[in-house]
Amino acid sequence: MDGKIKSTNLTHVTISRRFKEMGMDVSEYVVKQLLKKHGYTERQMQKTVTMKETKNRNEQFEKIQSLLEEYENSDNPIISVDVKKKEQIGNFYRDGKAYCRSAIEVYDHDFTSFSEGVVIPHGVYDIKQNLGYITLGNSKDTSEFNCECIQDWWVSHGKSAYPLATSILVLMVAEVTPAVTIFSRKTCKS
């Protein structure tokens, strides 16, 4: 093993086959045992490497924690918002499985010219009530769309769940920097 190589995406079968090509008969089972013995296990990538240093990063998280504690003990809601990847609508491949009586046939390529439109999932998660709400948009993922989704949540659910609320703590991630926004009745119309 090369000490400089710290990972491999080769399967046990492929590694065994490569050993055989080099004149060594090593079974898949032995390959698995050797990898385990040397501390190699299947792992997923983890998003932990910071792309850029952010000034006062620790103070940002301390401020968020302070606000969370303040809002947790108040009549005001705490929500987390997120927009997911745009999805093309049409006869396209989707990850996952379904029980069917015959194969589901889809286009072999996901060309946007074959799309019947686009859907943008936007989520609002009410932390205090442990409830999530999804809005599906069909145009652009803009700040206006985000605000409309939050307003829709407030009018449809938040207003009745938090009748004494004077503001909303909104948690979100903007690029690599966490952000907190506080909406008050003065800044939001319902």
N, C-alpha and C. Protein backbone atom coordinates (compact mmCIF):
# COMPACT_ATOMS: atom_id res chain seq x y z
N MET A 1 0.85 -1.18 0.00
CA MET A 1 0.00 0.00 0.00
C MET A 1 0.89 1.24 0.00
N ASP A 2 0.51 2.23 -0.76
CA ASP A 2 1.23 3.49 -0.81
C ASP A 2 0.77 4.35 0.36
N GLY A 3 1.69 4.75 1.24
CA GLY A 3 1.35 5.53 2.42
C GLY A 3 0.78 6.90 2.10
N LYS A 4 1.02 7.39 0.87
CA LYS A 4 0.50 8.70 0.48
C LYS A 4 -0.98 8.64 0.12
N ILE A 5 -1.45 7.45 -0.26
CA ILE A 5 -2.86 7.29 -0.64
C ILE A 5 -3.66 7.02 0.63
N LYS A 6 -4.63 7.85 0.89
CA LYS A 6 -5.40 7.73 2.13
C LYS A 6 -6.80 7.18 1.90
N SER A 7 -7.20 7.01 0.67
CA SER A 7 -8.53 6.48 0.40
C SER A 7 -8.55 5.82 -0.97
N THR A 8 -9.58 5.03 -1.20
CA THR A 8 -9.78 4.41 -2.50
C THR A 8 -11.27 4.26 -2.74
N ASN A 9 -11.64 4.32 -3.99
CA ASN A 9 -13.04 4.05 -4.33
C ASN A 9 -13.17 2.70 -5.02
N LEU A 10 -12.09 1.91 -4.95
CA LEU A 10 -12.12 0.57 -5.54
C LEU A 10 -12.91 -0.38 -4.64
N THR A 11 -13.63 -1.30 -5.26
CA THR A 11 -14.39 -2.28 -4.50
C THR A 11 -13.46 -3.41 -4.05
N HIS A 12 -13.92 -4.23 -3.11
CA HIS A 12 -13.13 -5.38 -2.66
C HIS A 12 -12.81 -6.30 -3.84
N VAL A 13 -13.78 -6.47 -4.75
CA VAL A 13 -13.59 -7.32 -5.92
C VAL A 13 -12.47 -6.77 -6.80
N THR A 14 -12.49 -5.46 -7.05
CA THR A 14 -11.48 -4.84 -7.91
C THR A 14 -10.09 -4.94 -7.29
N ILE A 15 -10.00 -4.71 -5.99
CA ILE A 15 -8.69 -4.81 -5.31
C ILE A 15 -8.18 -6.24 -5.40
N SER A 16 -9.05 -7.22 -5.15
CA SER A 16 -8.67 -8.62 -5.24
C SER A 16 -8.17 -8.95 -6.64
N ARG A 17 -8.89 -8.47 -7.65
CA ARG A 17 -8.51 -8.71 -9.05
C ARG A 17 -7.14 -8.10 -9.36
N ARG A 18 -6.88 -6.91 -8.84
CA ARG A 18 -5.59 -6.25 -9.08
C ARG A 18 -4.44 -7.01 -8.42
N PHE A 19 -4.71 -7.56 -7.23
CA PHE A 19 -3.69 -8.41 -6.59
C PHE A 19 -3.37 -9.61 -7.48
N LYS A 20 -4.43 -10.22 -8.03
CA LYS A 20 -4.24 -11.39 -8.90
C LYS A 20 -3.42 -11.02 -10.13
N GLU A 21 -3.65 -9.81 -10.69
CA GLU A 21 -2.88 -9.34 -11.83
C GLU A 21 -1.39 -9.20 -11.49
N MET A 22 -1.09 -8.96 -10.21
CA MET A 22 0.29 -8.82 -9.74
C MET A 22 0.86 -10.17 -9.27
N GLY A 23 0.10 -11.25 -9.46
CA GLY A 23 0.59 -12.58 -9.12
C GLY A 23 0.29 -13.02 -7.70
N MET A 24 -0.56 -12.29 -6.98
CA MET A 24 -0.91 -12.67 -5.60
C MET A 24 -2.38 -13.04 -5.55
N ASP A 25 -2.68 -14.19 -4.97
CA ASP A 25 -4.07 -14.64 -4.88
C ASP A 25 -4.64 -14.20 -3.53
N VAL A 26 -5.34 -13.06 -3.53
CA VAL A 26 -5.94 -12.51 -2.31
C VAL A 26 -7.44 -12.42 -2.53
N SER A 27 -8.20 -13.11 -1.69
CA SER A 27 -9.66 -13.14 -1.85
C SER A 27 -10.28 -11.80 -1.43
N GLU A 28 -11.53 -11.62 -1.86
CA GLU A 28 -12.28 -10.41 -1.47
C GLU A 28 -12.42 -10.32 0.04
N TYR A 29 -12.64 -11.47 0.68
CA TYR A 29 -12.79 -11.51 2.13
C TYR A 29 -11.51 -11.03 2.81
N VAL A 30 -10.36 -11.47 2.33
CA VAL A 30 -9.08 -11.07 2.91
C VAL A 30 -8.85 -9.57 2.69
N VAL A 31 -9.21 -9.07 1.51
CA VAL A 31 -9.09 -7.63 1.23
C VAL A 31 -9.90 -6.86 2.25
N LYS A 32 -11.13 -7.30 2.48
CA LYS A 32 -12.00 -6.63 3.46
C LYS A 32 -11.37 -6.64 4.84
N GLN A 33 -10.82 -7.78 5.25
CA GLN A 33 -10.19 -7.91 6.57
C GLN A 33 -8.95 -7.02 6.67
N LEU A 34 -8.14 -6.97 5.61
CA LEU A 34 -6.93 -6.13 5.61
C LEU A 34 -7.28 -4.65 5.73
N LEU A 35 -8.28 -4.21 4.97
CA LEU A 35 -8.70 -2.81 5.05
C LEU A 35 -9.17 -2.48 6.47
N LYS A 36 -9.95 -3.38 7.04
CA LYS A 36 -10.45 -3.16 8.40
C LYS A 36 -9.30 -3.11 9.40
N LYS A 37 -8.33 -4.03 9.27
CA LYS A 37 -7.17 -4.11 10.18
C LYS A 37 -6.37 -2.80 10.16
N HIS A 38 -6.28 -2.18 9.00
CA HIS A 38 -5.49 -0.95 8.86
C HIS A 38 -6.32 0.32 9.03
N GLY A 39 -7.55 0.17 9.54
CA GLY A 39 -8.37 1.34 9.88
C GLY A 39 -9.15 1.95 8.73
N TYR A 40 -9.25 1.24 7.61
CA TYR A 40 -10.01 1.76 6.48
C TYR A 40 -11.44 1.26 6.55
N THR A 41 -12.39 2.17 6.60
CA THR A 41 -13.80 1.82 6.60
C THR A 41 -14.50 2.69 5.57
N GLU A 42 -15.67 2.25 5.13
CA GLU A 42 -16.44 3.07 4.19
C GLU A 42 -16.92 4.32 4.90
N ARG A 43 -16.70 5.43 4.29
CA ARG A 43 -17.10 6.71 4.88
C ARG A 43 -17.71 7.60 3.81
N GLN A 44 -18.55 8.50 4.28
CA GLN A 44 -19.09 9.53 3.39
C GLN A 44 -18.26 10.79 3.55
N MET A 45 -18.23 11.60 2.51
CA MET A 45 -17.56 12.89 2.61
C MET A 45 -18.31 13.76 3.60
N GLN A 46 -17.57 14.59 4.33
CA GLN A 46 -18.18 15.49 5.30
C GLN A 46 -17.80 16.91 4.97
N LYS A 47 -18.79 17.78 4.95
CA LYS A 47 -18.55 19.19 4.65
C LYS A 47 -18.06 19.90 5.90
N THR A 48 -16.74 19.83 6.14
CA THR A 48 -16.18 20.44 7.34
C THR A 48 -15.07 21.43 7.04
N VAL A 49 -14.60 21.48 5.79
CA VAL A 49 -13.49 22.36 5.43
C VAL A 49 -14.05 23.74 5.09
N THR A 50 -13.59 24.75 5.82
CA THR A 50 -14.05 26.11 5.59
C THR A 50 -13.42 26.66 4.32
N MET A 51 -14.24 27.22 3.44
CA MET A 51 -13.73 27.75 2.18
C MET A 51 -13.04 29.09 2.36
N LYS A 52 -13.45 29.84 3.36
CA LYS A 52 -12.81 31.12 3.60
C LYS A 52 -12.95 31.44 5.09
N GLU A 53 -12.02 32.20 5.57
CA GLU A 53 -12.08 32.65 6.96
C GLU A 53 -13.08 33.80 7.05
N THR A 54 -13.92 33.77 8.04
CA THR A 54 -14.91 34.82 8.24
C THR A 54 -14.57 35.56 9.52
N LYS A 55 -14.45 36.87 9.38
CA LYS A 55 -14.12 37.70 10.53
C LYS A 55 -15.21 37.56 11.59
N ASN A 56 -14.80 37.43 12.84
CA ASN A 56 -15.72 37.34 13.98
C ASN A 56 -16.68 36.16 13.89
N ARG A 57 -16.22 35.05 13.29
CA ARG A 57 -17.10 33.89 13.11
C ARG A 57 -17.64 33.37 14.45
N ASN A 58 -16.79 33.25 15.45
CA ASN A 58 -17.24 32.74 16.74
C ASN A 58 -18.29 33.67 17.35
N GLU A 59 -18.08 34.97 17.23
CA GLU A 59 -19.04 35.94 17.77
C GLU A 59 -20.40 35.79 17.09
N GLN A 60 -20.40 35.45 15.78
CA GLN A 60 -21.67 35.23 15.07
C GLN A 60 -22.44 34.08 15.72
N PHE A 61 -21.75 32.97 15.99
CA PHE A 61 -22.42 31.82 16.58
C PHE A 61 -22.86 32.10 18.01
N GLU A 62 -22.08 32.87 18.74
CA GLU A 62 -22.49 33.26 20.10
C GLU A 62 -23.74 34.12 20.06
N LYS A 63 -23.83 35.03 19.10
CA LYS A 63 -25.01 35.89 18.95
C LYS A 63 -26.23 35.04 18.60
N ILE A 64 -26.06 34.09 17.68
CA ILE A 64 -27.16 33.20 17.30
C ILE A 64 -27.64 32.42 18.52
N GLN A 65 -26.71 31.88 19.30
CA GLN A 65 -27.07 31.12 20.50
C GLN A 65 -27.82 31.99 21.50
N SER A 66 -27.36 33.23 21.66
CA SER A 66 -28.02 34.16 22.58
C SER A 66 -29.45 34.44 22.13
N LEU A 67 -29.63 34.68 20.83
CA LEU A 67 -30.97 34.93 20.30
C LEU A 67 -31.87 33.70 20.45
N LEU A 68 -31.30 32.52 20.19
CA LEU A 68 -32.09 31.29 20.35
C LEU A 68 -32.60 31.14 21.78
N GLU A 69 -31.73 31.39 22.75
CA GLU A 69 -32.14 31.29 24.15
C GLU A 69 -33.22 32.32 24.49
N GLU A 70 -33.04 33.54 23.99
CA GLU A 70 -34.03 34.60 24.23
C GLU A 70 -35.38 34.22 23.63
N TYR A 71 -35.39 33.75 22.38
CA TYR A 71 -36.64 33.41 21.70
C TYR A 71 -37.27 32.14 22.24
N GLU A 72 -36.45 31.21 22.70
CA GLU A 72 -36.98 29.96 23.25
C GLU A 72 -37.88 30.23 24.45
N ASN A 73 -37.58 31.27 25.19
CA ASN A 73 -38.35 31.61 26.40
C ASN A 73 -39.35 32.74 26.14
N SER A 74 -39.77 32.90 24.90
CA SER A 74 -40.70 33.98 24.57
C SER A 74 -41.92 33.41 23.84
N ASP A 75 -42.85 34.30 23.49
CA ASP A 75 -44.04 33.91 22.71
C ASP A 75 -43.78 34.02 21.22
N ASN A 76 -42.54 34.25 20.83
CA ASN A 76 -42.18 34.46 19.43
C ASN A 76 -41.66 33.17 18.79
N PRO A 77 -41.98 32.95 17.51
CA PRO A 77 -41.54 31.73 16.83
C PRO A 77 -40.06 31.80 16.41
N ILE A 78 -39.47 30.60 16.27
CA ILE A 78 -38.14 30.44 15.69
C ILE A 78 -38.33 29.53 14.49
N ILE A 79 -37.96 30.02 13.31
CA ILE A 79 -38.07 29.19 12.11
C ILE A 79 -36.72 29.10 11.41
N SER A 80 -36.54 28.00 10.72
CA SER A 80 -35.36 27.79 9.90
C SER A 80 -35.85 27.66 8.47
N VAL A 81 -35.21 28.37 7.54
CA VAL A 81 -35.66 28.33 6.15
C VAL A 81 -34.54 27.81 5.26
N ASP A 82 -34.94 27.13 4.17
CA ASP A 82 -33.98 26.56 3.25
C ASP A 82 -34.63 26.38 1.89
N VAL A 83 -33.86 26.60 0.85
CA VAL A 83 -34.32 26.35 -0.51
C VAL A 83 -33.51 25.19 -1.06
N LYS A 84 -34.18 24.22 -1.64
CA LYS A 84 -33.50 23.05 -2.20
C LYS A 84 -33.28 23.23 -3.70
N LYS A 85 -32.53 22.29 -4.25
CA LYS A 85 -32.17 22.32 -5.67
C LYS A 85 -33.41 22.34 -6.56
N LYS A 86 -33.34 23.15 -7.60
CA LYS A 86 -34.43 23.20 -8.58
C LYS A 86 -34.53 21.84 -9.27
N GLU A 87 -35.75 21.41 -9.52
CA GLU A 87 -35.97 20.14 -10.19
C GLU A 87 -36.75 20.38 -11.47
N GLN A 88 -36.28 19.77 -12.55
CA GLN A 88 -36.99 19.86 -13.82
C GLN A 88 -38.22 18.95 -13.75
N ILE A 89 -39.34 19.42 -14.28
CA ILE A 89 -40.56 18.63 -14.31
C ILE A 89 -40.64 17.94 -15.66
N GLY A 90 -40.89 16.65 -15.63
CA GLY A 90 -41.00 15.90 -16.87
C GLY A 90 -40.66 14.45 -16.66
N ASN A 91 -40.51 13.75 -17.75
CA ASN A 91 -40.24 12.31 -17.73
C ASN A 91 -38.74 12.07 -17.54
N PHE A 92 -38.20 12.49 -16.37
CA PHE A 92 -36.78 12.41 -16.10
C PHE A 92 -36.49 11.40 -15.00
N TYR A 93 -35.24 10.96 -14.97
CA TYR A 93 -34.78 10.02 -13.95
C TYR A 93 -34.79 10.67 -12.58
N ARG A 94 -35.23 9.93 -11.57
CA ARG A 94 -35.20 10.38 -10.17
C ARG A 94 -34.58 9.26 -9.34
N ASP A 95 -33.78 9.61 -8.36
CA ASP A 95 -33.24 8.61 -7.44
C ASP A 95 -34.37 7.97 -6.67
N GLY A 96 -34.15 6.76 -6.23
CA GLY A 96 -35.14 6.07 -5.42
C GLY A 96 -35.79 4.92 -6.17
N LYS A 97 -36.64 4.20 -5.47
CA LYS A 97 -37.31 3.04 -6.04
C LYS A 97 -38.79 3.12 -5.75
N ALA A 98 -39.58 2.43 -6.56
CA ALA A 98 -41.02 2.37 -6.37
C ALA A 98 -41.50 0.96 -6.72
N TYR A 99 -42.54 0.50 -6.06
CA TYR A 99 -43.12 -0.79 -6.39
C TYR A 99 -43.97 -0.62 -7.64
N CYS A 100 -43.68 -1.40 -8.66
CA CYS A 100 -44.39 -1.30 -9.93
C CYS A 100 -44.57 -2.70 -10.52
N ARG A 101 -45.48 -2.79 -11.47
CA ARG A 101 -45.66 -4.06 -12.18
C ARG A 101 -44.80 -4.13 -13.43
N SER A 102 -44.31 -2.97 -13.87
CA SER A 102 -43.41 -2.95 -15.03
C SER A 102 -42.40 -1.82 -14.84
N ALA A 103 -41.37 -1.84 -15.65
CA ALA A 103 -40.31 -0.84 -15.54
C ALA A 103 -40.85 0.56 -15.85
N ILE A 104 -40.29 1.54 -15.17
CA ILE A 104 -40.64 2.94 -15.44
C ILE A 104 -39.62 3.47 -16.43
N GLU A 105 -40.06 3.83 -17.61
CA GLU A 105 -39.14 4.29 -18.64
C GLU A 105 -39.12 5.81 -18.67
N VAL A 106 -37.91 6.36 -18.64
CA VAL A 106 -37.72 7.81 -18.66
C VAL A 106 -36.71 8.18 -19.73
N TYR A 107 -36.61 9.48 -20.03
CA TYR A 107 -35.63 9.94 -21.01
C TYR A 107 -34.23 9.55 -20.57
N ASP A 108 -33.36 9.31 -21.54
CA ASP A 108 -31.99 8.92 -21.21
C ASP A 108 -31.11 10.12 -20.87
N HIS A 109 -31.57 11.34 -21.10
CA HIS A 109 -30.86 12.56 -20.73
C HIS A 109 -31.85 13.56 -20.14
N ASP A 110 -31.36 14.41 -19.25
CA ASP A 110 -32.22 15.41 -18.60
C ASP A 110 -32.05 16.78 -19.24
N PHE A 111 -32.33 16.87 -20.53
CA PHE A 111 -32.20 18.15 -21.23
C PHE A 111 -33.35 19.07 -20.82
N THR A 112 -33.01 20.32 -20.50
CA THR A 112 -34.04 21.27 -20.08
C THR A 112 -35.04 21.56 -21.20
N SER A 113 -34.62 21.37 -22.45
CA SER A 113 -35.55 21.60 -23.56
C SER A 113 -36.71 20.61 -23.55
N PHE A 114 -36.55 19.47 -22.87
CA PHE A 114 -37.62 18.49 -22.75
C PHE A 114 -38.44 18.69 -21.49
N SER A 115 -38.07 19.67 -20.70
CA SER A 115 -38.74 19.92 -19.43
C SER A 115 -40.09 20.60 -19.64
N GLU A 116 -41.03 20.26 -18.78
CA GLU A 116 -42.35 20.90 -18.80
C GLU A 116 -42.39 22.07 -17.83
N GLY A 117 -41.27 22.37 -17.21
CA GLY A 117 -41.19 23.46 -16.25
C GLY A 117 -40.18 23.12 -15.17
N VAL A 118 -40.18 23.93 -14.13
CA VAL A 118 -39.26 23.74 -13.03
C VAL A 118 -40.02 23.91 -11.71
N VAL A 119 -39.59 23.19 -10.69
CA VAL A 119 -40.19 23.36 -9.38
C VAL A 119 -39.05 23.66 -8.40
N ILE A 120 -39.29 24.61 -7.49
CA ILE A 120 -38.30 25.02 -6.50
C ILE A 120 -38.88 24.75 -5.12
N PRO A 121 -38.38 23.73 -4.42
CA PRO A 121 -38.88 23.46 -3.07
C PRO A 121 -38.28 24.43 -2.06
N HIS A 122 -39.13 25.06 -1.27
CA HIS A 122 -38.69 25.99 -0.21
C HIS A 122 -39.29 25.50 1.09
N GLY A 123 -38.43 25.32 2.10
CA GLY A 123 -38.91 24.80 3.37
C GLY A 123 -38.87 25.83 4.48
N VAL A 124 -39.89 25.80 5.32
CA VAL A 124 -39.94 26.57 6.56
C VAL A 124 -40.12 25.55 7.67
N TYR A 125 -39.19 25.51 8.62
CA TYR A 125 -39.27 24.57 9.74
C TYR A 125 -39.50 25.36 11.01
N ASP A 126 -40.64 25.10 11.66
CA ASP A 126 -40.99 25.74 12.93
C ASP A 126 -40.31 24.93 14.04
N ILE A 127 -39.24 25.46 14.59
CA ILE A 127 -38.42 24.75 15.57
C ILE A 127 -39.19 24.47 16.85
N LYS A 128 -39.92 25.43 17.34
CA LYS A 128 -40.64 25.23 18.61
C LYS A 128 -41.72 24.16 18.50
N GLN A 129 -42.43 24.10 17.38
CA GLN A 129 -43.50 23.13 17.22
C GLN A 129 -43.05 21.85 16.54
N ASN A 130 -41.79 21.83 16.07
CA ASN A 130 -41.24 20.67 15.37
C ASN A 130 -42.10 20.29 14.17
N LEU A 131 -42.47 21.30 13.38
CA LEU A 131 -43.29 21.09 12.19
C LEU A 131 -42.62 21.76 10.99
N GLY A 132 -42.68 21.08 9.85
CA GLY A 132 -42.11 21.63 8.62
C GLY A 132 -43.18 21.92 7.60
N TYR A 133 -42.94 22.92 6.79
CA TYR A 133 -43.87 23.33 5.73
C TYR A 133 -43.08 23.50 4.45
N ILE A 134 -43.64 23.02 3.34
CA ILE A 134 -42.97 23.11 2.05
C ILE A 134 -43.82 23.95 1.11
N THR A 135 -43.16 24.86 0.42
CA THR A 135 -43.79 25.63 -0.65
C THR A 135 -43.07 25.26 -1.93
N LEU A 136 -43.83 24.98 -2.98
CA LEU A 136 -43.23 24.66 -4.27
C LEU A 136 -43.43 25.83 -5.21
N GLY A 137 -42.34 26.46 -5.59
CA GLY A 137 -42.40 27.58 -6.52
C GLY A 137 -42.15 27.09 -7.93
N ASN A 138 -42.49 27.91 -8.91
CA ASN A 138 -42.29 27.48 -10.30
C ASN A 138 -41.63 28.56 -11.16
N SER A 139 -41.00 29.55 -10.54
CA SER A 139 -40.33 30.55 -11.37
C SER A 139 -38.87 30.68 -10.97
N LYS A 140 -38.55 31.62 -10.13
CA LYS A 140 -37.15 31.87 -9.76
C LYS A 140 -36.97 31.81 -8.24
N ASP A 141 -35.78 31.36 -7.83
CA ASP A 141 -35.41 31.35 -6.42
C ASP A 141 -34.81 32.72 -6.11
N THR A 142 -35.64 33.64 -5.65
CA THR A 142 -35.20 35.00 -5.37
C THR A 142 -35.47 35.33 -3.92
N SER A 143 -34.92 36.45 -3.46
CA SER A 143 -35.20 36.89 -2.10
C SER A 143 -36.69 37.18 -1.94
N GLU A 144 -37.32 37.67 -3.00
CA GLU A 144 -38.76 37.94 -2.96
C GLU A 144 -39.55 36.64 -2.74
N PHE A 145 -39.14 35.57 -3.43
CA PHE A 145 -39.78 34.26 -3.26
C PHE A 145 -39.61 33.77 -1.82
N ASN A 146 -38.41 33.92 -1.26
CA ASN A 146 -38.16 33.52 0.12
C ASN A 146 -39.07 34.27 1.07
N CYS A 147 -39.15 35.57 0.90
CA CYS A 147 -40.01 36.39 1.78
C CYS A 147 -41.47 36.01 1.64
N GLU A 148 -41.92 35.73 0.42
CA GLU A 148 -43.31 35.32 0.22
C GLU A 148 -43.60 33.99 0.91
N CYS A 149 -42.63 33.07 0.89
CA CYS A 149 -42.82 31.78 1.56
C CYS A 149 -42.94 31.96 3.06
N ILE A 150 -42.10 32.83 3.62
CA ILE A 150 -42.18 33.09 5.06
C ILE A 150 -43.50 33.76 5.39
N GLN A 151 -43.93 34.71 4.56
CA GLN A 151 -45.20 35.39 4.78
C GLN A 151 -46.37 34.40 4.68
N ASP A 152 -46.32 33.50 3.69
CA ASP A 152 -47.37 32.47 3.56
C ASP A 152 -47.43 31.60 4.80
N TRP A 153 -46.25 31.20 5.31
CA TRP A 153 -46.22 30.40 6.54
C TRP A 153 -46.86 31.18 7.69
N TRP A 154 -46.51 32.47 7.81
CA TRP A 154 -47.04 33.28 8.91
C TRP A 154 -48.56 33.38 8.82
N VAL A 155 -49.07 33.70 7.65
CA VAL A 155 -50.51 33.88 7.48
C VAL A 155 -51.26 32.55 7.68
N SER A 156 -50.71 31.47 7.12
CA SER A 156 -51.40 30.17 7.17
C SER A 156 -51.24 29.43 8.49
N HIS A 157 -50.09 29.59 9.16
CA HIS A 157 -49.82 28.78 10.35
C HIS A 157 -49.31 29.58 11.55
N GLY A 158 -48.35 30.44 11.30
CA GLY A 158 -47.67 31.14 12.40
C GLY A 158 -48.57 32.04 13.22
N LYS A 159 -49.42 32.79 12.54
CA LYS A 159 -50.28 33.76 13.23
C LYS A 159 -51.17 33.07 14.27
N SER A 160 -51.73 31.91 13.93
CA SER A 160 -52.60 31.22 14.88
C SER A 160 -51.80 30.46 15.93
N ALA A 161 -50.62 29.97 15.57
CA ALA A 161 -49.80 29.22 16.53
C ALA A 161 -49.12 30.15 17.54
N TYR A 162 -48.87 31.39 17.14
CA TYR A 162 -48.16 32.35 18.00
C TYR A 162 -48.94 33.67 18.06
N PRO A 163 -50.13 33.67 18.67
CA PRO A 163 -50.97 34.87 18.67
C PRO A 163 -50.37 36.06 19.42
N LEU A 164 -49.44 35.84 20.33
CA LEU A 164 -48.83 36.92 21.10
C LEU A 164 -47.47 37.34 20.54
N ALA A 165 -47.10 36.81 19.39
CA ALA A 165 -45.78 37.09 18.82
C ALA A 165 -45.63 38.55 18.41
N THR A 166 -44.45 39.08 18.65
CA THR A 166 -44.12 40.44 18.21
C THR A 166 -43.01 40.43 17.17
N SER A 167 -42.33 39.27 17.03
CA SER A 167 -41.28 39.14 16.02
C SER A 167 -41.04 37.66 15.74
N ILE A 168 -40.28 37.38 14.68
CA ILE A 168 -39.94 36.02 14.28
C ILE A 168 -38.43 35.94 14.14
N LEU A 169 -37.83 34.92 14.74
CA LEU A 169 -36.40 34.67 14.55
C LEU A 169 -36.27 33.71 13.38
N VAL A 170 -35.58 34.14 12.32
CA VAL A 170 -35.41 33.33 11.11
C VAL A 170 -33.95 32.93 11.00
N LEU A 171 -33.70 31.63 10.97
CA LEU A 171 -32.36 31.10 10.82
C LEU A 171 -32.17 30.61 9.39
N MET A 172 -31.03 30.94 8.80
CA MET A 172 -30.76 30.49 7.43
C MET A 172 -29.26 30.49 7.20
N VAL A 173 -28.83 29.84 6.15
CA VAL A 173 -27.42 29.87 5.76
C VAL A 173 -27.33 30.60 4.44
N ALA A 174 -26.51 31.62 4.41
CA ALA A 174 -26.26 32.38 3.18
C ALA A 174 -24.84 32.07 2.75
N GLU A 175 -24.69 31.33 1.65
CA GLU A 175 -23.39 30.84 1.18
C GLU A 175 -22.72 30.07 2.31
N VAL A 176 -21.61 30.54 2.86
CA VAL A 176 -20.94 29.82 3.94
C VAL A 176 -21.08 30.52 5.27
N THR A 177 -21.85 31.60 5.32
CA THR A 177 -22.01 32.36 6.56
C THR A 177 -23.42 32.20 7.10
N PRO A 178 -23.55 31.80 8.37
CA PRO A 178 -24.90 31.72 8.93
C PRO A 178 -25.49 33.12 9.06
N ALA A 179 -26.78 33.20 8.91
CA ALA A 179 -27.44 34.50 9.01
C ALA A 179 -28.66 34.37 9.91
N VAL A 180 -28.96 35.44 10.58
CA VAL A 180 -30.16 35.50 11.42
C VAL A 180 -30.90 36.76 11.04
N THR A 181 -32.18 36.64 10.85
CA THR A 181 -33.01 37.79 10.55
C THR A 181 -34.14 37.81 11.55
N ILE A 182 -34.46 38.98 12.04
CA ILE A 182 -35.59 39.11 12.95
C ILE A 182 -36.64 39.96 12.25
N PHE A 183 -37.80 39.35 12.00
CA PHE A 183 -38.91 40.09 11.42
C PHE A 183 -39.81 40.52 12.56
N SER A 184 -40.20 41.76 12.56
CA SER A 184 -41.15 42.22 13.57
C SER A 184 -42.43 42.63 12.86
N ARG A 185 -43.47 42.87 13.63
CA ARG A 185 -44.74 43.29 13.02
C ARG A 185 -44.59 44.61 12.29
N LYS A 186 -43.60 45.41 12.67
CA LYS A 186 -43.37 46.68 12.00
C LYS A 186 -42.82 46.49 10.60
N THR A 187 -42.01 45.41 10.41
CA THR A 187 -41.37 45.22 9.11
C THR A 187 -42.11 44.25 8.20
N CYS A 188 -43.03 43.46 8.75
CA CYS A 188 -43.79 42.52 7.94
C CYS A 188 -45.27 42.86 7.96
N LYS A 189 -45.87 42.78 6.81
CA LYS A 189 -47.32 43.00 6.74
C LYS A 189 -47.98 41.64 6.62
N SER A 190 -49.10 41.45 7.30
CA SER A 190 -49.75 40.13 7.22
C SER A 190 -51.14 40.24 6.67
